[in-house]
């Protein structure tokens, strides 16, 4: 199983990024809450990053952090292939 995570903006976002995950290279990036088996509750900190607690858990479990620019370019390539 692939174990990758990345900070990406949500649709319609004003620049806020949240944690996204994927468990297979052929799958699109999805928000961390779409993976209840991996997600943990967010910290109750005003203005805190959505997914930070999950990021910390998964990083300590050996997941790989992918740069946002790399994840966005791979997502664009996957969309072109499916078109």
C-alpha atoms as a PDB file:
ATOM      1  CA  UNK A   1       0.000   0.000   0.000  1.00  0.00           C
ATOM      2  CA  UNK A   2       1.230   3.444  -0.942  1.00  0.00           C
ATOM      3  CA  UNK A   3       1.293   5.834   2.037  1.00  0.00           C
ATOM      4  CA  UNK A   4       1.508   9.449   0.870  1.00  0.00           C
ATOM      5  CA  UNK A   5       0.239  12.712   2.279  1.00  0.00           C
ATOM      6  CA  UNK A   6       0.273  16.264   1.010  1.00  0.00           C
ATOM      7  CA  UNK A   7      -1.034  19.723   1.916  1.00  0.00           C
ATOM      8  CA  UNK A   8      -3.424  20.863  -0.834  1.00  0.00           C
ATOM      9  CA  UNK A   9      -6.092  23.576  -1.082  1.00  0.00           C
ATOM     10  CA  UNK A  10      -9.704  22.526  -0.879  1.00  0.00           C
ATOM     11  CA  UNK A  11     -12.072  23.274  -3.733  1.00  0.00           C
ATOM     12  CA  UNK A  12     -13.237  26.868  -3.576  1.00  0.00           C
ATOM     13  CA  UNK A  13     -10.690  27.623  -0.870  1.00  0.00           C
ATOM     14  CA  UNK A  14      -9.184  31.033  -0.329  1.00  0.00           C
ATOM     15  CA  UNK A  15      -5.710  29.578   0.023  1.00  0.00           C
ATOM     16  CA  UNK A  16      -6.264  27.392   3.079  1.00  0.00           C
ATOM     17  CA  UNK A  17      -4.607  24.001   2.690  1.00  0.00           C
ATOM     18  CA  UNK A  18      -5.668  20.815   4.402  1.00  0.00           C
ATOM     19  CA  UNK A  19      -4.054  17.406   4.599  1.00  0.00           C
ATOM     20  CA  UNK A  20      -4.784  15.071   1.689  1.00  0.00           C
ATOM     21  CA  UNK A  21      -3.908  11.365   1.479  1.00  0.00           C
ATOM     22  CA  UNK A  22      -3.662   8.612  -1.064  1.00  0.00           C
ATOM     23  CA  UNK A  23      -2.989   4.901  -0.716  1.00  0.00           C
ATOM     24  CA  UNK A  24      -2.492   4.037  -4.395  1.00  0.00           C
ATOM     25  CA  UNK A  25      -0.713   5.931  -7.171  1.00  0.00           C
ATOM     26  CA  UNK A  26      -3.708   5.445  -9.451  1.00  0.00           C
ATOM     27  CA  UNK A  27      -6.069   7.140  -6.969  1.00  0.00           C
ATOM     28  CA  UNK A  28      -6.642  10.885  -6.711  1.00  0.00           C
ATOM     29  CA  UNK A  29      -5.635  12.856  -3.613  1.00  0.00           C
ATOM     30  CA  UNK A  30      -8.515  12.983  -1.115  1.00  0.00           C
ATOM     31  CA  UNK A  31      -8.985  14.973   2.113  1.00  0.00           C
ATOM     32  CA  UNK A  32      -7.798  13.177   5.227  1.00  0.00           C
ATOM     33  CA  UNK A  33     -11.342  12.903   6.626  1.00  0.00           C
ATOM     34  CA  UNK A  34     -12.190  10.599   3.692  1.00  0.00           C
ATOM     35  CA  UNK A  35      -9.924   8.050   5.422  1.00  0.00           C
ATOM     36  CA  UNK A  36     -11.544   7.437   8.832  1.00  0.00           C
ATOM     37  CA  UNK A  37      -9.195   4.506   9.426  1.00  0.00           C
ATOM     38  CA  UNK A  38      -6.228   6.944   9.482  1.00  0.00           C
ATOM     39  CA  UNK A  39      -7.686  10.311  10.557  1.00  0.00           C
ATOM     40  CA  UNK A  40      -7.649  11.488  14.152  1.00  0.00           C
ATOM     41  CA  UNK A  41      -9.615  14.414  15.614  1.00  0.00           C
ATOM     42  CA  UNK A  42      -8.199  17.865  14.888  1.00  0.00           C
ATOM     43  CA  UNK A  43      -6.644  19.907  17.676  1.00  0.00           C
ATOM     44  CA  UNK A  44      -9.014  22.523  19.073  1.00  0.00           C
ATOM     45  CA  UNK A  45      -6.715  25.469  18.306  1.00  0.00           C
ATOM     46  CA  UNK A  46      -8.198  28.615  16.750  1.00  0.00           C
ATOM     47  CA  UNK A  47      -6.771  28.984  13.239  1.00  0.00           C
ATOM     48  CA  UNK A  48      -5.008  25.620  13.454  1.00  0.00           C
ATOM     49  CA  UNK A  49      -4.257  23.578  10.347  1.00  0.00           C
ATOM     50  CA  UNK A  50      -6.915  21.036   9.420  1.00  0.00           C
ATOM     51  CA  UNK A  51      -5.261  17.646   9.528  1.00  0.00           C
ATOM     52  CA  UNK A  52      -2.228  18.564  11.642  1.00  0.00           C
ATOM     53  CA  UNK A  53      -2.931  15.892  14.283  1.00  0.00           C
ATOM     54  CA  UNK A  54      -3.413  13.289  11.543  1.00  0.00           C
ATOM     55  CA  UNK A  55      -0.205  14.457   9.841  1.00  0.00           C
ATOM     56  CA  UNK A  56       1.757  13.968  13.065  1.00  0.00           C
ATOM     57  CA  UNK A  57       0.300  10.485  13.587  1.00  0.00           C
ATOM     58  CA  UNK A  58       0.983   9.356  10.015  1.00  0.00           C
ATOM     59  CA  UNK A  59       4.454  10.900   9.866  1.00  0.00           C
ATOM     60  CA  UNK A  60       5.449   8.899  12.951  1.00  0.00           C
ATOM     61  CA  UNK A  61       3.965   5.797  11.278  1.00  0.00           C
ATOM     62  CA  UNK A  62       6.287   6.202   8.275  1.00  0.00           C
ATOM     63  CA  UNK A  63       4.029   7.918   5.722  1.00  0.00           C
ATOM     64  CA  UNK A  64       5.745  10.037   3.055  1.00  0.00           C
ATOM     65  CA  UNK A  65       5.120  13.762   2.687  1.00  0.00           C
ATOM     66  CA  UNK A  66       4.889  14.801  -0.969  1.00  0.00           C
ATOM     67  CA  UNK A  67       5.533  18.459  -1.902  1.00  0.00           C
ATOM     68  CA  UNK A  68       2.346  20.298  -2.914  1.00  0.00           C
ATOM     69  CA  UNK A  69       3.789  21.251  -6.297  1.00  0.00           C
ATOM     70  CA  UNK A  70       4.591  17.619  -7.097  1.00  0.00           C
ATOM     71  CA  UNK A  71       1.144  16.405  -6.000  1.00  0.00           C
ATOM     72  CA  UNK A  72      -0.638  19.093  -8.016  1.00  0.00           C
ATOM     73  CA  UNK A  73       1.355  18.296 -11.161  1.00  0.00           C
ATOM     74  CA  UNK A  74       0.694  14.549 -10.789  1.00  0.00           C
ATOM     75  CA  UNK A  75      -3.024  15.249 -10.280  1.00  0.00           C
ATOM     76  CA  UNK A  76      -3.106  17.367 -13.433  1.00  0.00           C
ATOM     77  CA  UNK A  77      -1.376  14.568 -15.375  1.00  0.00           C
ATOM     78  CA  UNK A  78      -3.901  12.009 -14.122  1.00  0.00           C
ATOM     79  CA  UNK A  79      -6.788  14.258 -15.181  1.00  0.00           C
ATOM     80  CA  UNK A  80      -5.326  14.582 -18.680  1.00  0.00           C
ATOM     81  CA  UNK A  81      -4.977  10.790 -18.972  1.00  0.00           C
ATOM     82  CA  UNK A  82      -8.618  10.248 -18.050  1.00  0.00           C
ATOM     83  CA  UNK A  83      -9.906  12.904 -20.471  1.00  0.00           C
END
